[in-house]
Protein backbone atom coordinates (compact mmCIF):
# COMPACT_ATOMS: atom_id res chain seq x y z
CA UNK A 1 0.00 0.00 0.00
CA UNK A 2 2.86 2.32 0.74
CA UNK A 3 5.12 3.00 -2.22
CA UNK A 4 8.51 4.39 -1.53
CA UNK A 5 9.64 7.33 -3.58
CA UNK A 6 11.94 6.54 -6.48
CA UNK A 7 14.72 8.91 -7.33
CA UNK A 8 16.63 9.00 -10.57
CA UNK A 9 20.26 8.17 -10.26
CA UNK A 10 22.72 10.80 -11.16
CA UNK A 11 24.48 10.21 -14.46
CA UNK A 12 27.90 8.65 -14.17
CA UNK A 13 29.41 11.28 -16.46
CA UNK A 14 28.39 14.06 -18.78
CA UNK A 15 27.73 13.38 -22.44
CA UNK A 16 30.61 14.49 -24.58
CA UNK A 17 30.45 16.06 -27.99
CA UNK A 18 31.90 12.92 -29.52
CA UNK A 19 29.11 10.76 -28.04
CA UNK A 20 26.52 13.14 -29.46
CA UNK A 21 28.07 13.03 -32.93
CA UNK A 22 28.30 9.23 -32.86
CA UNK A 23 24.64 8.96 -31.92
CA UNK A 24 23.65 11.26 -34.82
CA UNK A 25 25.87 9.51 -37.38
CA UNK A 26 23.27 6.88 -38.48
CA UNK A 27 20.68 9.60 -39.04
CA UNK A 28 23.08 11.71 -41.09
CA UNK A 29 24.15 8.69 -43.14
CA UNK A 30 20.51 7.83 -43.81
CA UNK A 31 19.85 11.33 -45.21
CA UNK A 32 22.98 11.17 -47.39
CA UNK A 33 21.91 7.84 -48.86
CA UNK A 34 18.36 9.13 -49.36
CA UNK A 35 19.70 12.14 -51.24
CA UNK A 36 21.89 10.13 -53.62
CA UNK A 37 19.39 7.31 -54.18
CA UNK A 38 16.10 9.18 -54.46
CA UNK A 39 16.26 12.96 -54.53
CA UNK A 40 19.20 13.60 -56.86
CA UNK A 41 18.04 11.25 -59.68
CA UNK A 42 14.53 12.70 -59.49
CA UNK A 43 15.85 16.26 -59.80
CA UNK A 44 18.05 15.23 -62.73
CA UNK A 45 15.12 13.60 -64.54
CA UNK A 46 12.91 16.67 -63.96
CA UNK A 47 15.64 18.93 -65.35
CA UNK A 48 15.98 16.77 -68.48
CA UNK A 49 12.18 16.73 -69.00
CA UNK A 50 12.01 20.52 -68.68
CA UNK A 51 14.78 20.94 -71.28
CA UNK A 52 13.02 18.49 -73.62
CA UNK A 53 9.68 20.31 -73.29
CA UNK A 54 11.30 23.68 -73.95
CA UNK A 55 13.02 22.31 -77.08
CA UNK A 56 9.80 21.03 -78.71
CA UNK A 57 9.37 22.15 -82.29
CA UNK A 58 6.72 21.88 -84.96
CA UNK A 59 6.96 18.55 -86.77
CA UNK A 60 8.45 16.62 -83.82
CA UNK A 61 7.00 13.17 -83.29
CA UNK A 62 6.10 12.70 -79.64
CA UNK A 63 4.64 10.30 -77.08
CA UNK A 64 2.09 11.82 -74.69
CA UNK A 65 1.46 10.97 -71.03
CA UNK A 66 -1.70 9.14 -72.14
CA UNK A 67 0.30 6.91 -74.48
CA UNK A 68 -0.74 8.56 -77.74
CA UNK A 69 1.77 8.93 -80.57
CA UNK A 70 1.48 12.01 -82.73
CA UNK A 71 3.17 14.83 -84.57
CA UNK A 72 3.25 18.37 -83.22
CA UNK A 73 1.32 20.69 -85.54
CA UNK A 74 1.00 23.85 -83.41
CA UNK A 75 3.07 25.21 -80.57
CA UNK A 76 1.89 27.70 -77.99
CA UNK A 77 3.40 28.98 -74.81
CA UNK A 78 1.69 26.45 -72.53
CA UNK A 79 -0.11 24.19 -75.01
CA UNK A 80 0.78 22.19 -78.12
CA UNK A 81 -1.42 20.87 -80.88
CA UNK A 82 -0.71 17.22 -81.60
CA UNK A 83 -1.99 15.53 -84.74
CA UNK A 84 -2.82 11.94 -83.79
CA UNK A 85 -4.12 10.91 -87.21
CA UNK A 86 -4.91 12.77 -90.39
CA UNK A 87 -7.67 15.22 -89.49
CA UNK A 88 -7.53 14.42 -85.76
CA UNK A 89 -5.78 17.08 -83.72
CA UNK A 90 -5.83 17.56 -79.94
CA UNK A 91 -4.62 20.38 -77.74
CA UNK A 92 -2.62 19.39 -74.66
CA UNK A 93 -0.27 20.89 -72.15
CA UNK A 94 3.40 20.91 -73.04
CA UNK A 95 4.22 19.00 -69.86
CA UNK A 96 2.05 16.09 -71.07
CA UNK A 97 4.70 15.26 -73.69
CA UNK A 98 6.77 12.43 -72.26
CA UNK A 99 9.20 11.60 -75.04
CA UNK A 100 10.33 12.90 -78.42
CA UNK A 101 10.67 10.12 -80.97
CA UNK A 102 13.26 9.99 -83.78
CA UNK A 103 12.09 11.46 -87.10
CA UNK A 104 10.29 8.98 -89.32
CA UNK A 105 9.03 6.76 -86.50
CA UNK A 106 5.39 7.48 -87.30
CA UNK A 107 4.13 6.65 -90.76
C-alpha atoms as a PDB file:
ATOM      1  CA  UNK A   1       0.000   0.000   0.000  1.00  0.00           C
ATOM      2  CA  UNK A   2       2.857   2.320   0.738  1.00  0.00           C
ATOM      3  CA  UNK A   3       5.118   2.997  -2.222  1.00  0.00           C
ATOM      4  CA  UNK A   4       8.511   4.388  -1.533  1.00  0.00           C
ATOM      5  CA  UNK A   5       9.641   7.334  -3.581  1.00  0.00           C
ATOM      6  CA  UNK A   6      11.936   6.541  -6.483  1.00  0.00           C
ATOM      7  CA  UNK A   7      14.718   8.914  -7.329  1.00  0.00           C
ATOM      8  CA  UNK A   8      16.626   9.000 -10.575  1.00  0.00           C
ATOM      9  CA  UNK A   9      20.255   8.169 -10.257  1.00  0.00           C
ATOM     10  CA  UNK A  10      22.716  10.804 -11.163  1.00  0.00           C
ATOM     11  CA  UNK A  11      24.475  10.209 -14.456  1.00  0.00           C
ATOM     12  CA  UNK A  12      27.896   8.655 -14.174  1.00  0.00           C
ATOM     13  CA  UNK A  13      29.413  11.281 -16.461  1.00  0.00           C
ATOM     14  CA  UNK A  14      28.389  14.058 -18.785  1.00  0.00           C
ATOM     15  CA  UNK A  15      27.730  13.384 -22.442  1.00  0.00           C
ATOM     16  CA  UNK A  16      30.609  14.487 -24.575  1.00  0.00           C
ATOM     17  CA  UNK A  17      30.446  16.056 -27.989  1.00  0.00           C
ATOM     18  CA  UNK A  18      31.899  12.915 -29.519  1.00  0.00           C
ATOM     19  CA  UNK A  19      29.110  10.763 -28.040  1.00  0.00           C
ATOM     20  CA  UNK A  20      26.522  13.136 -29.460  1.00  0.00           C
ATOM     21  CA  UNK A  21      28.075  13.026 -32.931  1.00  0.00           C
ATOM     22  CA  UNK A  22      28.299   9.233 -32.861  1.00  0.00           C
ATOM     23  CA  UNK A  23      24.639   8.956 -31.921  1.00  0.00           C
ATOM     24  CA  UNK A  24      23.646  11.256 -34.819  1.00  0.00           C
ATOM     25  CA  UNK A  25      25.871   9.506 -37.377  1.00  0.00           C
ATOM     26  CA  UNK A  26      23.274   6.881 -38.479  1.00  0.00           C
ATOM     27  CA  UNK A  27      20.679   9.601 -39.040  1.00  0.00           C
ATOM     28  CA  UNK A  28      23.083  11.711 -41.092  1.00  0.00           C
ATOM     29  CA  UNK A  29      24.152   8.689 -43.145  1.00  0.00           C
ATOM     30  CA  UNK A  30      20.507   7.833 -43.808  1.00  0.00           C
ATOM     31  CA  UNK A  31      19.850  11.327 -45.211  1.00  0.00           C
ATOM     32  CA  UNK A  32      22.976  11.170 -47.387  1.00  0.00           C
ATOM     33  CA  UNK A  33      21.915   7.838 -48.863  1.00  0.00           C
ATOM     34  CA  UNK A  34      18.361   9.126 -49.358  1.00  0.00           C
ATOM     35  CA  UNK A  35      19.696  12.139 -51.237  1.00  0.00           C
ATOM     36  CA  UNK A  36      21.889  10.133 -53.618  1.00  0.00           C
ATOM     37  CA  UNK A  37      19.390   7.308 -54.180  1.00  0.00           C
ATOM     38  CA  UNK A  38      16.099   9.182 -54.461  1.00  0.00           C
ATOM     39  CA  UNK A  39      16.264  12.964 -54.526  1.00  0.00           C
ATOM     40  CA  UNK A  40      19.201  13.599 -56.859  1.00  0.00           C
ATOM     41  CA  UNK A  41      18.039  11.252 -59.684  1.00  0.00           C
ATOM     42  CA  UNK A  42      14.531  12.698 -59.492  1.00  0.00           C
ATOM     43  CA  UNK A  43      15.852  16.262 -59.802  1.00  0.00           C
ATOM     44  CA  UNK A  44      18.049  15.233 -62.734  1.00  0.00           C
ATOM     45  CA  UNK A  45      15.117  13.596 -64.541  1.00  0.00           C
ATOM     46  CA  UNK A  46      12.912  16.667 -63.959  1.00  0.00           C
ATOM     47  CA  UNK A  47      15.637  18.931 -65.347  1.00  0.00           C
ATOM     48  CA  UNK A  48      15.983  16.768 -68.476  1.00  0.00           C
ATOM     49  CA  UNK A  49      12.184  16.726 -68.999  1.00  0.00           C
ATOM     50  CA  UNK A  50      12.008  20.516 -68.675  1.00  0.00           C
ATOM     51  CA  UNK A  51      14.777  20.940 -71.276  1.00  0.00           C
ATOM     52  CA  UNK A  52      13.022  18.491 -73.623  1.00  0.00           C
ATOM     53  CA  UNK A  53       9.675  20.307 -73.287  1.00  0.00           C
ATOM     54  CA  UNK A  54      11.301  23.681 -73.953  1.00  0.00           C
ATOM     55  CA  UNK A  55      13.016  22.311 -77.076  1.00  0.00           C
ATOM     56  CA  UNK A  56       9.801  21.030 -78.707  1.00  0.00           C
ATOM     57  CA  UNK A  57       9.372  22.153 -82.294  1.00  0.00           C
ATOM     58  CA  UNK A  58       6.717  21.884 -84.963  1.00  0.00           C
ATOM     59  CA  UNK A  59       6.965  18.549 -86.772  1.00  0.00           C
ATOM     60  CA  UNK A  60       8.446  16.623 -83.824  1.00  0.00           C
ATOM     61  CA  UNK A  61       7.005  13.169 -83.291  1.00  0.00           C
ATOM     62  CA  UNK A  62       6.099  12.696 -79.638  1.00  0.00           C
ATOM     63  CA  UNK A  63       4.636  10.302 -77.085  1.00  0.00           C
ATOM     64  CA  UNK A  64       2.095  11.819 -74.691  1.00  0.00           C
ATOM     65  CA  UNK A  65       1.456  10.966 -71.029  1.00  0.00           C
ATOM     66  CA  UNK A  66      -1.704   9.140 -72.142  1.00  0.00           C
ATOM     67  CA  UNK A  67       0.299   6.915 -74.479  1.00  0.00           C
ATOM     68  CA  UNK A  68      -0.737   8.556 -77.743  1.00  0.00           C
ATOM     69  CA  UNK A  69       1.767   8.930 -80.566  1.00  0.00           C
ATOM     70  CA  UNK A  70       1.482  12.008 -82.729  1.00  0.00           C
ATOM     71  CA  UNK A  71       3.168  14.835 -84.574  1.00  0.00           C
ATOM     72  CA  UNK A  72       3.246  18.372 -83.218  1.00  0.00           C
ATOM     73  CA  UNK A  73       1.323  20.690 -85.542  1.00  0.00           C
ATOM     74  CA  UNK A  74       0.995  23.853 -83.414  1.00  0.00           C
ATOM     75  CA  UNK A  75       3.073  25.213 -80.572  1.00  0.00           C
ATOM     76  CA  UNK A  76       1.892  27.705 -77.993  1.00  0.00           C
ATOM     77  CA  UNK A  77       3.404  28.981 -74.806  1.00  0.00           C
ATOM     78  CA  UNK A  78       1.689  26.453 -72.533  1.00  0.00           C
ATOM     79  CA  UNK A  79      -0.105  24.185 -75.011  1.00  0.00           C
ATOM     80  CA  UNK A  80       0.779  22.193 -78.117  1.00  0.00           C
ATOM     81  CA  UNK A  81      -1.423  20.866 -80.880  1.00  0.00           C
ATOM     82  CA  UNK A  82      -0.706  17.217 -81.598  1.00  0.00           C
ATOM     83  CA  UNK A  83      -1.994  15.528 -84.742  1.00  0.00           C
ATOM     84  CA  UNK A  84      -2.816  11.940 -83.789  1.00  0.00           C
ATOM     85  CA  UNK A  85      -4.125  10.906 -87.209  1.00  0.00           C
ATOM     86  CA  UNK A  86      -4.911  12.774 -90.395  1.00  0.00           C
ATOM     87  CA  UNK A  87      -7.669  15.215 -89.487  1.00  0.00           C
ATOM     88  CA  UNK A  88      -7.526  14.419 -85.756  1.00  0.00           C
ATOM     89  CA  UNK A  89      -5.778  17.084 -83.717  1.00  0.00           C
ATOM     90  CA  UNK A  90      -5.828  17.561 -79.943  1.00  0.00           C
ATOM     91  CA  UNK A  91      -4.619  20.381 -77.741  1.00  0.00           C
ATOM     92  CA  UNK A  92      -2.624  19.391 -74.658  1.00  0.00           C
ATOM     93  CA  UNK A  93      -0.273  20.891 -72.150  1.00  0.00           C
ATOM     94  CA  UNK A  94       3.398  20.913 -73.039  1.00  0.00           C
ATOM     95  CA  UNK A  95       4.221  18.998 -69.863  1.00  0.00           C
ATOM     96  CA  UNK A  96       2.052  16.087 -71.074  1.00  0.00           C
ATOM     97  CA  UNK A  97       4.701  15.265 -73.690  1.00  0.00           C
ATOM     98  CA  UNK A  98       6.770  12.432 -72.261  1.00  0.00           C
ATOM     99  CA  UNK A  99       9.201  11.603 -75.041  1.00  0.00           C
ATOM    100  CA  UNK A 100      10.331  12.896 -78.421  1.00  0.00           C
ATOM    101  CA  UNK A 101      10.673  10.116 -80.974  1.00  0.00           C
ATOM    102  CA  UNK A 102      13.261   9.991 -83.775  1.00  0.00           C
ATOM    103  CA  UNK A 103      12.094  11.462 -87.096  1.00  0.00           C
ATOM    104  CA  UNK A 104      10.289   8.975 -89.321  1.00  0.00           C
ATOM    105  CA  UNK A 105       9.030   6.762 -86.497  1.00  0.00           C
ATOM    106  CA  UNK A 106       5.393   7.481 -87.304  1.00  0.00           C
ATOM    107  CA  UNK A 107       4.130   6.649 -90.761  1.00  0.00           C
END
